[in-house]
Amino acid sequence: QVQLVESGGGSVQPGGSLRLSCAASGSIFSINTMGWYRQAPGKERELVATITSRGSTNYADSVKGRFTISGDNAKNTVYLQMNSLKPDDTAVYYCNYAYTFWGKGTLVTVSS
């Protein structure tokens, strides 16, 4: 089993920034992919960004150039730096490990 704990969500005005963190523990393997997904009210969960243990990244088109995913293999932690936030970014953000395990989510609200 893998446990994922997210932190860093909150409320911010449009144009602002937030940094999400996700710490993984349990049966962690050195080769893995971690990622962030989000689910807005009334919508399906969607990919935001992923990162492999080798540092390869993938982003949804809607966040390219604004969000940056990074990881610390030694700490089994992945981060999501979110800049130039828009109201459409409002959602519950979920951390994912190996396309299998999910965190409980952290709420990001972008509103003036």
C-alpha atoms as a PDB file:
ATOM      1  CA  GLN A   1       0.000   0.000   0.000  1.00  0.00           C
ATOM      2  CA  VAL A   2       1.002   3.594  -0.628  1.00  0.00           C
ATOM      3  CA  GLN A   3      -0.200   6.576   1.348  1.00  0.00           C
ATOM      4  CA  LEU A   4      -0.292  10.032  -0.217  1.00  0.00           C
ATOM      5  CA  VAL A   5      -0.742  13.238   1.755  1.00  0.00           C
ATOM      6  CA  GLU A   6      -1.371  16.483  -0.115  1.00  0.00           C
ATOM      7  CA  SER A   7      -0.927  19.984   1.250  1.00  0.00           C
ATOM      8  CA  GLY A   8      -0.773  23.562   0.021  1.00  0.00           C
ATOM      9  CA  GLY A   9      -4.278  24.176  -1.263  1.00  0.00           C
ATOM     10  CA  GLY A  10      -6.230  27.298  -0.447  1.00  0.00           C
ATOM     11  CA  SER A  11      -7.895  30.378  -1.856  1.00  0.00           C
ATOM     12  CA  VAL A  12      -6.151  32.833  -4.142  1.00  0.00           C
ATOM     13  CA  GLN A  13      -7.100  35.687  -6.436  1.00  0.00           C
ATOM     14  CA  PRO A  14      -6.795  35.356 -10.219  1.00  0.00           C
ATOM     15  CA  GLY A  15      -3.203  35.793 -11.273  1.00  0.00           C
ATOM     16  CA  GLY A  16      -1.912  34.477  -7.978  1.00  0.00           C
ATOM     17  CA  SER A  17       0.235  31.462  -7.187  1.00  0.00           C
ATOM     18  CA  LEU A  18       0.068  28.376  -5.015  1.00  0.00           C
ATOM     19  CA  ARG A  19       2.399  25.441  -4.442  1.00  0.00           C
ATOM     20  CA  LEU A  20       1.014  21.992  -3.758  1.00  0.00           C
ATOM     21  CA  SER A  21       3.012  19.211  -2.127  1.00  0.00           C
ATOM     22  CA  CYS A  22       2.396  15.473  -2.004  1.00  0.00           C
ATOM     23  CA  ALA A  23       4.358  13.168   0.277  1.00  0.00           C
ATOM     24  CA  ALA A  24       4.287   9.451  -0.467  1.00  0.00           C
ATOM     25  CA  SER A  25       4.953   6.705   2.058  1.00  0.00           C
ATOM     26  CA  GLY A  26       4.594   2.948   2.266  1.00  0.00           C
ATOM     27  CA  SER A  27       5.559   0.514  -0.495  1.00  0.00           C
ATOM     28  CA  ILE A  28       7.439   3.019  -2.641  1.00  0.00           C
ATOM     29  CA  PHE A  29       9.465   1.778  -5.575  1.00  0.00           C
ATOM     30  CA  SER A  30      12.333   3.768  -7.026  1.00  0.00           C
ATOM     31  CA  ILE A  31      10.889   3.594 -10.546  1.00  0.00           C
ATOM     32  CA  ASN A  32       7.490   5.217 -10.628  1.00  0.00           C
ATOM     33  CA  THR A  33       5.361   7.998 -11.994  1.00  0.00           C
ATOM     34  CA  MET A  34       3.640  10.525  -9.786  1.00  0.00           C
ATOM     35  CA  GLY A  35       1.170  13.095 -10.880  1.00  0.00           C
ATOM     36  CA  TRP A  36      -1.501  15.636 -10.134  1.00  0.00           C
ATOM     37  CA  TYR A  37      -5.085  15.428 -11.294  1.00  0.00           C
ATOM     38  CA  ARG A  38      -7.996  17.722 -10.587  1.00  0.00           C
ATOM     39  CA  GLN A  39     -11.745  17.571 -10.449  1.00  0.00           C
ATOM     40  CA  ALA A  40     -13.910  20.650 -10.728  1.00  0.00           C
ATOM     41  CA  PRO A  41     -17.527  20.666  -9.540  1.00  0.00           C
ATOM     42  CA  GLY A  42     -19.730  18.783 -11.987  1.00  0.00           C
ATOM     43  CA  LYS A  43     -16.787  17.657 -14.099  1.00  0.00           C
ATOM     44  CA  GLU A  44     -14.735  14.497 -14.447  1.00  0.00           C
ATOM     45  CA  ARG A  45     -11.285  14.133 -12.956  1.00  0.00           C
ATOM     46  CA  GLU A  46      -8.606  15.238 -15.401  1.00  0.00           C
ATOM     47  CA  LEU A  47      -4.860  15.048 -15.734  1.00  0.00           C
ATOM     48  CA  VAL A  48      -2.891  18.124 -14.735  1.00  0.00           C
ATOM     49  CA  ALA A  49       0.718  16.935 -14.845  1.00  0.00           C
ATOM     50  CA  THR A  50       2.881  13.879 -14.323  1.00  0.00           C
ATOM     51  CA  ILE A  51       6.548  13.276 -13.612  1.00  0.00           C
ATOM     52  CA  THR A  52       8.593  10.090 -13.820  1.00  0.00           C
ATOM     53  CA  SER A  53      11.385   9.144 -11.430  1.00  0.00           C
ATOM     54  CA  ARG A  54      13.799  10.145 -14.211  1.00  0.00           C
ATOM     55  CA  GLY A  55      12.295  13.610 -14.353  1.00  0.00           C
ATOM     56  CA  SER A  56      10.282  13.384 -17.557  1.00  0.00           C
ATOM     57  CA  THR A  57       7.201  15.570 -17.360  1.00  0.00           C
ATOM     58  CA  ASN A  58       3.843  15.785 -19.086  1.00  0.00           C
ATOM     59  CA  TYR A  59       1.269  18.578 -18.825  1.00  0.00           C
ATOM     60  CA  ALA A  60      -2.304  19.180 -19.802  1.00  0.00           C
ATOM     61  CA  ASP A  61      -2.530  21.832 -22.514  1.00  0.00           C
ATOM     62  CA  SER A  62      -4.600  24.041 -20.215  1.00  0.00           C
ATOM     63  CA  VAL A  63      -1.757  24.444 -17.706  1.00  0.00           C
ATOM     64  CA  LYS A  64       1.323  24.455 -19.949  1.00  0.00           C
ATOM     65  CA  GLY A  65       3.487  27.495 -19.273  1.00  0.00           C
ATOM     66  CA  ARG A  66       1.728  28.213 -15.964  1.00  0.00           C
ATOM     67  CA  PHE A  67       2.208  25.083 -13.842  1.00  0.00           C
ATOM     68  CA  THR A  68       5.432  23.244 -13.071  1.00  0.00           C
ATOM     69  CA  ILE A  69       5.677  19.759 -11.601  1.00  0.00           C
ATOM     70  CA  SER A  70       8.816  18.684  -9.803  1.00  0.00           C
ATOM     71  CA  GLY A  71       9.902  15.868  -7.543  1.00  0.00           C
ATOM     72  CA  ASP A  72      12.320  14.984  -4.791  1.00  0.00           C
ATOM     73  CA  ASN A  73      13.078  11.257  -5.041  1.00  0.00           C
ATOM     74  CA  ALA A  74      14.920  11.230  -1.721  1.00  0.00           C
ATOM     75  CA  LYS A  75      11.823  12.556   0.045  1.00  0.00           C
ATOM     76  CA  ASN A  76       9.277  10.700  -2.127  1.00  0.00           C
ATOM     77  CA  THR A  77       7.585  14.039  -2.603  1.00  0.00           C
ATOM     78  CA  VAL A  78       6.150  15.718  -5.670  1.00  0.00           C
ATOM     79  CA  TYR A  79       5.308  19.392  -6.010  1.00  0.00           C
ATOM     80  CA  LEU A  80       3.061  21.433  -8.257  1.00  0.00           C
ATOM     81  CA  GLN A  81       3.916  25.111  -8.615  1.00  0.00           C
ATOM     82  CA  MET A  82       0.880  26.906  -9.983  1.00  0.00           C
ATOM     83  CA  ASN A  83       1.300  30.437 -11.329  1.00  0.00           C
ATOM     84  CA  SER A  84      -1.045  32.812 -13.142  1.00  0.00           C
ATOM     85  CA  LEU A  85      -4.014  31.005 -11.662  1.00  0.00           C
ATOM     86  CA  LYS A  86      -7.403  31.401 -13.298  1.00  0.00           C
ATOM     87  CA  PRO A  87     -10.927  30.823 -11.975  1.00  0.00           C
ATOM     88  CA  ASP A  88     -11.098  27.762 -14.254  1.00  0.00           C
ATOM     89  CA  ASP A  89      -8.298  26.223 -12.178  1.00  0.00           C
ATOM     90  CA  THR A  90     -10.676  25.949  -9.223  1.00  0.00           C
ATOM     91  CA  ALA A  91     -10.904  22.268  -8.315  1.00  0.00           C
ATOM     92  CA  VAL A  92      -9.928  19.592  -5.860  1.00  0.00           C
ATOM     93  CA  TYR A  93      -6.391  18.548  -6.727  1.00  0.00           C
ATOM     94  CA  TYR A  94      -5.418  14.927  -6.213  1.00  0.00           C
ATOM     95  CA  CYS A  95      -1.991  13.361  -6.020  1.00  0.00           C
ATOM     96  CA  ASN A  96      -1.452  10.049  -7.762  1.00  0.00           C
ATOM     97  CA  TYR A  97       1.249   7.389  -7.484  1.00  0.00           C
ATOM     98  CA  ALA A  98       1.923   4.849 -10.218  1.00  0.00           C
ATOM     99  CA  TYR A  99      -1.510   5.464 -11.767  1.00  0.00           C
ATOM    100  CA  THR A 100      -2.928   3.405  -8.909  1.00  0.00           C
ATOM    101  CA  PHE A 101      -2.941   5.154  -5.551  1.00  0.00           C
ATOM    102  CA  TRP A 102      -4.705   8.431  -4.764  1.00  0.00           C
ATOM    103  CA  GLY A 103      -4.507  11.044  -2.072  1.00  0.00           C
ATOM    104  CA  LYS A 104      -7.610  12.542  -0.467  1.00  0.00           C
ATOM    105  CA  GLY A 105      -7.244  15.788  -2.368  1.00  0.00           C
ATOM    106  CA  THR A 106      -6.700  19.436  -1.557  1.00  0.00           C
ATOM    107  CA  LEU A 107      -9.043  22.244  -2.593  1.00  0.00           C
ATOM    108  CA  VAL A 108      -7.797  25.119  -4.727  1.00  0.00           C
ATOM    109  CA  THR A 109     -10.154  28.062  -5.153  1.00  0.00           C
ATOM    110  CA  VAL A 110      -9.346  30.916  -7.528  1.00  0.00           C
ATOM    111  CA  SER A 111     -11.725  33.797  -7.106  1.00  0.00           C
ATOM    112  CA  SER A 112     -11.769  37.559  -6.804  1.00  0.00           C
END
